[in-house]
Protein backbone atom coordinates (compact mmCIF):
# COMPACT_ATOMS: atom_id res chain seq x y z
CA MET A 1 67.03 184.23 61.68
CA LYS A 2 65.59 187.28 60.89
CA ARG A 3 62.51 185.83 59.67
CA THR A 4 62.10 184.19 63.39
CA LYS A 5 62.37 187.37 65.01
CA ARG A 6 60.08 189.20 62.52
CA ASN A 7 57.67 186.66 63.32
CA ARG A 8 57.60 186.65 67.09
CA ILE A 9 57.29 190.50 66.86
CA ILE A 10 53.81 189.91 64.47
CA ILE A 11 52.90 187.42 66.89
CA PHE A 12 53.35 189.72 69.71
CA SER A 13 51.32 192.23 68.12
CA LEU A 14 48.71 190.17 67.42
CA ILE A 15 48.23 189.24 70.71
CA LEU A 16 48.81 192.92 72.28
CA GLY A 17 46.35 193.61 69.83
CA VAL A 18 43.83 191.30 70.35
CA LEU A 19 44.14 192.08 74.28
CA LEU A 20 43.78 195.81 73.83
CA ILE A 21 40.46 195.18 71.65
CA SER A 22 39.24 192.86 74.45
CA PHE A 23 39.96 195.51 77.09
CA LEU A 24 37.95 198.35 75.02
CA PHE A 25 34.88 195.71 74.31
CA LEU A 26 35.13 195.60 78.23
CA ILE A 27 35.16 199.17 78.78
CA PHE A 28 32.51 200.38 76.24
CA PHE A 29 29.99 197.24 76.30
CA SER A 30 29.70 196.26 80.01
CA ASN A 31 28.19 198.14 82.35
CA GLU A 32 29.78 196.44 85.00
CA ILE A 33 32.92 198.44 84.85
CA ASN A 34 32.86 202.47 85.50
CA LEU A 35 36.41 203.35 84.19
CA LYS A 36 36.45 206.62 85.84
CA GLY A 37 35.74 205.41 88.83
CA THR A 38 38.00 202.48 88.70
CA LEU A 39 41.06 204.36 87.59
CA SER A 40 40.58 206.99 90.41
CA THR A 41 41.09 204.38 92.62
CA GLU A 42 44.33 204.74 94.69
CA TYR A 43 46.35 201.93 96.07
CA ILE A 44 48.40 203.39 99.13
CA LYS A 45 51.52 201.38 100.69
CA THR A 46 51.63 200.73 104.49
CA ASN A 47 54.04 199.67 106.87
CA ASP A 48 53.34 195.89 106.16
CA PRO A 49 54.67 194.74 102.86
CA ASN A 50 51.74 192.46 102.55
CA SER A 51 48.91 195.14 102.87
CA GLN A 52 47.85 198.49 101.17
CA ILE A 53 45.14 200.51 101.58
CA ILE A 54 42.68 200.99 98.80
CA GLU A 55 40.97 204.40 98.53
CA THR A 56 37.71 204.67 96.51
CA ASN A 57 35.76 208.00 96.25
CA PHE A 58 33.41 206.75 99.07
CA PHE A 59 35.49 204.83 101.62
CA GLU A 60 39.31 203.81 102.18
CA ILE A 61 39.76 200.10 103.36
CA GLU A 62 43.12 198.07 104.22
CA THR A 63 43.53 194.80 102.18
CA PRO A 64 45.96 192.43 101.21
CA LYS A 65 48.50 193.68 98.64
CA ASN A 66 46.96 191.37 95.92
CA TRP A 67 43.41 192.87 95.85
CA ILE A 68 42.32 195.09 93.32
CA HIS A 69 39.13 197.58 93.48
CA ILE A 70 36.90 197.62 90.28
CA PHE A 71 34.30 200.61 90.52
CA GLY A 72 30.99 199.34 88.88
CA GLY A 73 29.41 202.65 88.60
CA TYR A 74 25.98 204.26 90.09
CA GLY A 75 22.90 201.28 90.73
CA MET A 76 19.17 202.23 89.89
CA GLU A 77 18.82 204.25 92.81
CA GLY A 78 21.97 206.05 92.26
CA GLU A 79 23.92 203.91 94.95
CA PRO A 80 27.60 203.50 93.95
CA TYR A 81 28.64 199.56 93.91
CA GLY A 82 31.91 197.61 92.72
CA ARG A 83 33.77 194.66 93.86
CA PHE A 84 37.59 193.62 94.78
CA MET A 85 39.04 191.27 93.19
CA THR A 86 41.08 188.80 95.44
CA GLY A 87 43.29 185.52 94.96
CA LYS A 88 40.03 183.93 96.93
CA GLY A 89 37.31 185.40 94.49
CA MET A 90 35.13 188.34 93.79
CA ILE A 91 33.62 190.14 96.51
CA TYR A 92 30.82 192.48 95.41
CA TYR A 93 30.04 195.20 97.71
CA GLU A 94 27.34 198.37 97.79
CA TYR A 95 27.46 201.65 99.46
CA GLY A 96 23.67 202.54 99.09
CA PHE A 97 20.30 202.77 101.51
CA PHE A 98 18.76 200.06 99.81
CA ALA A 99 21.53 197.09 100.08
CA PRO A 100 20.49 194.45 102.38
CA ASP A 101 21.41 194.90 105.98
CA TYR A 102 21.27 191.19 107.12
CA ASN A 103 19.74 192.58 110.19
CA GLU A 104 17.92 189.45 111.57
CA ASP A 105 17.53 185.49 110.55
CA CYS A 106 15.94 185.18 107.30
CA ASP A 107 13.62 182.03 106.73
CA ILE A 108 12.85 182.60 103.35
CA TYR A 109 16.86 183.30 102.26
CA HIS A 110 18.00 180.49 105.15
CA TYR A 111 20.73 182.37 106.96
CA LYS A 112 21.67 183.26 110.32
CA VAL A 113 22.93 186.84 111.88
CA ASP A 114 25.50 187.49 114.34
CA LYS A 115 25.83 190.96 115.36
CA LYS A 116 29.76 191.77 115.84
CA GLN A 117 31.38 194.54 117.06
CA ILE A 118 34.41 194.90 114.53
CA GLY A 119 36.49 197.95 115.24
CA ARG A 120 34.60 201.21 115.77
CA PHE A 121 31.50 199.48 113.65
CA GLN A 122 28.54 197.38 114.83
CA VAL A 123 28.51 194.67 111.86
CA ASN A 124 25.95 192.33 110.70
CA VAL A 125 27.33 188.99 109.96
CA ALA A 126 24.84 186.75 107.87
CA ARG A 127 25.63 183.18 106.91
CA ASN A 128 23.61 180.22 105.28
CA ASN A 129 24.26 176.34 104.91
CA GLU A 130 25.96 176.89 101.57
CA ASN A 131 29.02 178.11 102.85
CA GLU A 132 28.31 181.79 102.24
CA THR A 133 28.87 185.02 104.23
CA GLY A 134 27.38 188.42 103.86
CA ILE A 135 28.67 191.77 105.72
CA ALA A 136 26.48 194.62 106.22
CA ILE A 137 27.47 197.79 108.22
CA PRO A 138 24.50 199.70 108.95
CA ARG A 139 25.16 203.44 108.84
CA GLN A 140 26.76 205.18 111.95
CA ASN A 141 29.87 207.44 112.50
CA GLU A 142 30.52 209.45 109.28
CA MET A 143 28.88 206.82 106.77
CA ASN A 144 26.30 208.49 104.74
CA ARG A 145 24.94 205.06 103.72
CA MET A 146 25.21 201.32 104.36
CA LEU A 147 27.97 199.33 103.18
CA THR A 148 27.10 195.55 102.16
CA PHE A 149 29.34 193.14 101.19
CA TYR A 150 27.00 190.68 99.07
CA MET A 151 26.78 187.10 100.75
CA SER A 152 28.88 184.74 98.93
CA GLU A 153 31.47 182.18 99.15
CA SER A 154 34.01 185.00 98.07
CA VAL A 155 33.13 186.46 101.36
CA THR A 156 33.34 183.23 103.84
CA ASN A 157 37.28 182.78 101.81
CA ASN A 158 38.04 186.43 102.62
CA TYR A 159 36.35 186.91 105.67
CA GLN A 160 39.48 187.26 108.34
CA ASP A 161 40.79 189.88 105.35
CA LEU A 162 37.75 192.06 105.44
CA LYS A 163 37.21 191.83 109.15
CA ARG A 164 40.91 193.45 109.44
CA GLY A 165 39.69 196.01 106.84
CA ILE A 166 36.72 196.80 108.88
CA GLU A 167 39.01 198.27 111.53
CA THR A 168 40.58 200.41 109.41
CA LEU A 169 37.47 201.40 107.40
CA LYS A 170 37.01 205.31 106.85
CA PHE A 171 34.27 206.91 104.84
CA TYR A 172 34.13 210.11 103.25
């Protein structure tokens, strides 16, 4: 009996150790995660038990409860970028001057743009034939830069949630 319990503790410790080493490897050897920016993200409860407000260092957005923000850092031009892990895929964003603006139809990348008013923002929504959607919010109101959700199938799958989130966006 004691041997089985001890074996379980050893196996549990080994699994925990492997997970910890994997996490540290991701932190120190990956340029995709800025630990300080990720850990500074605040998750604020709302009156709706199915939603939350994710507050980053640059903006806040209301999202479904299961979304997680991962801050990637600053790109070559010094522009912040990151992603939201959702139940329907990863949504990549950039808050910068040089992100795609999806301002007009593009024959090179084969997408069509629909300009919409979502909440208090004029938004450019681009869609291609591969079930991918991209959203760009040009600089307006209190924004210092443009916010772009890069074209992907994840944006398409989360479009309604992003649309509700854009209605609540606040920038710092």
